[in-house]
């Protein structure tokens, strides 16, 4: 199955090679709120080897996180839509901005992190795993059904 996505203006397109839509989670941290200009981000975890540009050139913005890891953002140089990022703390994993997927309406978040920063009007269902800050890795993998590739 080919999953496709791209930026708002259409200058950059990508594809994900996967048997199914990737699992997604929502992050409510201050950084994600600031980066997105919204209440949270919806993100999909995939293997970095699964994603490839199909048209255009992604601009790269690198920054050092508060933990000292290097984060590499791939975005459209025209409309500045963030498409995905990689992080030296999680080698081999790409974090795709789920809203940039063509079929984003079919995605259902499987977990929420940093809920202590969640806007008070957002209600997370009782059956959806959530953590006040980052989830322990093993618990997070279970919440996302262990499908990182």
Protein backbone atom coordinates (compact mmCIF):
# COMPACT_ATOMS: atom_id res chain seq x y z
CA UNK A 1 0.00 0.00 0.00
CA UNK A 2 1.25 3.47 -0.81
CA UNK A 3 0.22 6.23 1.51
CA UNK A 4 0.74 9.70 0.10
CA UNK A 5 0.86 13.16 1.53
CA UNK A 6 2.24 16.61 1.00
CA UNK A 7 2.36 20.23 1.95
CA UNK A 8 -0.42 22.79 1.79
CA UNK A 9 0.70 24.41 -1.49
CA UNK A 10 1.48 21.12 -3.27
CA UNK A 11 5.15 21.91 -3.97
CA UNK A 12 6.39 18.93 -1.90
CA UNK A 13 4.87 15.45 -2.01
CA UNK A 14 5.93 12.25 -0.26
CA UNK A 15 4.89 8.62 0.03
CA UNK A 16 5.03 6.06 2.80
CA UNK A 17 5.40 2.41 1.89
CA UNK A 18 3.37 0.47 4.47
CA UNK A 19 0.83 -2.34 4.62
CA UNK A 20 -1.58 -0.06 6.51
CA UNK A 21 -2.09 3.47 7.73
CA UNK A 22 0.42 4.17 10.50
CA UNK A 23 -0.67 4.47 14.13
CA UNK A 24 -1.01 8.05 15.34
CA UNK A 25 -0.84 9.82 18.66
CA UNK A 26 -1.51 13.36 19.84
CA UNK A 27 1.03 15.49 21.66
CA UNK A 28 -0.20 18.40 23.76
CA UNK A 29 3.21 19.75 24.87
CA UNK A 30 4.06 23.44 24.66
CA UNK A 31 6.59 22.84 21.86
CA UNK A 32 4.00 21.07 19.68
CA UNK A 33 1.42 23.76 20.40
CA UNK A 34 3.91 26.45 19.38
CA UNK A 35 5.17 24.56 16.27
CA UNK A 36 1.64 23.89 15.04
CA UNK A 37 -0.06 27.07 16.18
CA UNK A 38 -2.80 24.80 17.49
CA UNK A 39 -3.86 22.91 20.61
CA UNK A 40 -1.88 19.76 19.79
CA UNK A 41 -0.17 17.84 17.00
CA UNK A 42 -1.29 14.53 15.54
CA UNK A 43 1.73 12.46 14.59
CA UNK A 44 2.42 9.10 12.98
CA UNK A 45 5.47 7.02 13.84
CA UNK A 46 7.06 5.12 10.97
CA UNK A 47 10.41 3.67 10.06
CA UNK A 48 12.54 6.34 8.41
CA UNK A 49 13.18 3.95 5.53
CA UNK A 50 9.44 3.96 4.67
CA UNK A 51 9.21 7.63 3.67
CA UNK A 52 10.43 9.16 0.42
CA UNK A 53 9.91 12.41 -1.44
CA UNK A 54 8.05 11.99 -4.73
CA UNK A 55 8.16 15.62 -5.89
CA UNK A 56 9.73 18.86 -4.83
CA UNK A 57 12.57 19.43 -2.42
CA UNK A 58 12.10 19.49 1.32
CA UNK A 59 13.84 22.27 3.20
CA UNK A 60 15.63 21.11 6.34
CA UNK A 61 15.55 22.91 9.66
CA UNK A 62 17.72 21.46 12.42
CA UNK A 63 17.54 22.33 16.07
CA UNK A 64 18.82 21.02 19.37
CA UNK A 65 16.10 19.82 21.75
CA UNK A 66 16.11 20.58 25.46
CA UNK A 67 17.39 17.03 26.06
CA UNK A 68 20.39 17.62 23.78
CA UNK A 69 19.11 15.55 20.86
CA UNK A 70 19.31 16.89 17.30
CA UNK A 71 15.91 17.25 15.62
CA UNK A 72 15.80 17.47 11.82
CA UNK A 73 12.56 18.96 10.43
CA UNK A 74 11.57 18.34 6.78
CA UNK A 75 9.29 21.07 5.49
CA UNK A 76 8.13 22.79 2.35
CA UNK A 77 10.38 25.73 1.49
CA UNK A 78 7.43 27.57 -0.08
CA UNK A 79 4.51 27.25 2.36
CA UNK A 80 6.61 26.03 5.34
CA UNK A 81 4.35 23.09 6.14
CA UNK A 82 6.21 20.70 8.46
CA UNK A 83 5.97 17.23 6.92
CA UNK A 84 8.07 14.99 9.16
CA UNK A 85 11.05 15.01 11.45
CA UNK A 86 13.77 12.70 12.68
CA UNK A 87 15.56 12.90 16.00
CA UNK A 88 18.97 11.62 17.03
CA UNK A 89 17.39 10.24 20.22
CA UNK A 90 15.24 7.88 18.09
CA UNK A 91 17.46 6.68 15.21
CA UNK A 92 15.59 5.12 12.30
CA UNK A 93 12.20 6.59 13.26
CA UNK A 94 10.39 9.35 11.37
CA UNK A 95 7.55 11.33 12.95
CA UNK A 96 5.09 12.34 10.24
CA UNK A 97 2.67 15.22 10.76
CA UNK A 98 -0.50 13.20 10.27
CA UNK A 99 -2.49 16.15 8.94
CA UNK A 100 -0.26 16.17 5.86
CA UNK A 101 -1.42 12.68 4.82
CA UNK A 102 -3.97 12.61 1.99
CA UNK A 103 -6.14 10.16 3.95
CA UNK A 104 -5.78 11.83 7.37
CA UNK A 105 -9.52 11.62 8.00
CA UNK A 106 -9.16 7.84 8.46
CA UNK A 107 -6.67 8.16 11.32
CA UNK A 108 -7.77 7.70 14.92
CA UNK A 109 -5.34 8.66 17.70
CA UNK A 110 -4.28 5.67 19.77
CA UNK A 111 -2.65 7.67 22.58
CA UNK A 112 -2.17 11.18 23.98
CA UNK A 113 1.00 12.51 25.60
CA UNK A 114 1.71 15.67 27.58
CA UNK A 115 -1.91 15.90 28.68
CA UNK A 116 -0.91 18.13 31.60
CA UNK A 117 -0.56 20.84 28.91
CA UNK A 118 -3.82 19.85 27.16
CA UNK A 119 -6.32 22.62 26.54
CA UNK A 120 -9.19 22.21 29.03
CA UNK A 121 -11.86 21.96 26.31
CA UNK A 122 -10.25 18.86 24.75
CA UNK A 123 -11.78 15.63 26.02
CA UNK A 124 -9.79 12.40 25.65
CA UNK A 125 -11.85 9.22 25.85
CA UNK A 126 -11.39 7.04 28.93
CA UNK A 127 -10.38 4.10 26.70
CA UNK A 128 -7.49 6.01 25.06
CA UNK A 129 -4.12 5.73 26.83
CA UNK A 130 -2.76 9.08 28.00
CA UNK A 131 0.18 10.36 30.01
CA UNK A 132 0.75 13.72 31.71
CA UNK A 133 4.20 13.94 30.07
CA UNK A 134 6.12 11.56 27.81
CA UNK A 135 4.99 7.96 27.99
CA UNK A 136 7.40 5.23 29.04
CA UNK A 137 8.69 3.74 25.78
CA UNK A 138 7.36 0.21 26.39
CA UNK A 139 3.90 1.50 27.32
CA UNK A 140 3.84 3.83 24.33
CA UNK A 141 4.75 1.03 21.92
CA UNK A 142 1.95 -1.11 23.37
CA UNK A 143 -0.50 1.79 23.03
CA UNK A 144 0.43 2.16 19.37
CA UNK A 145 0.06 -1.62 18.91
CA UNK A 146 3.79 -2.09 18.61
CA UNK A 147 3.72 -1.18 14.90
CA UNK A 148 6.66 1.09 14.22
CA UNK A 149 7.48 -0.36 10.82
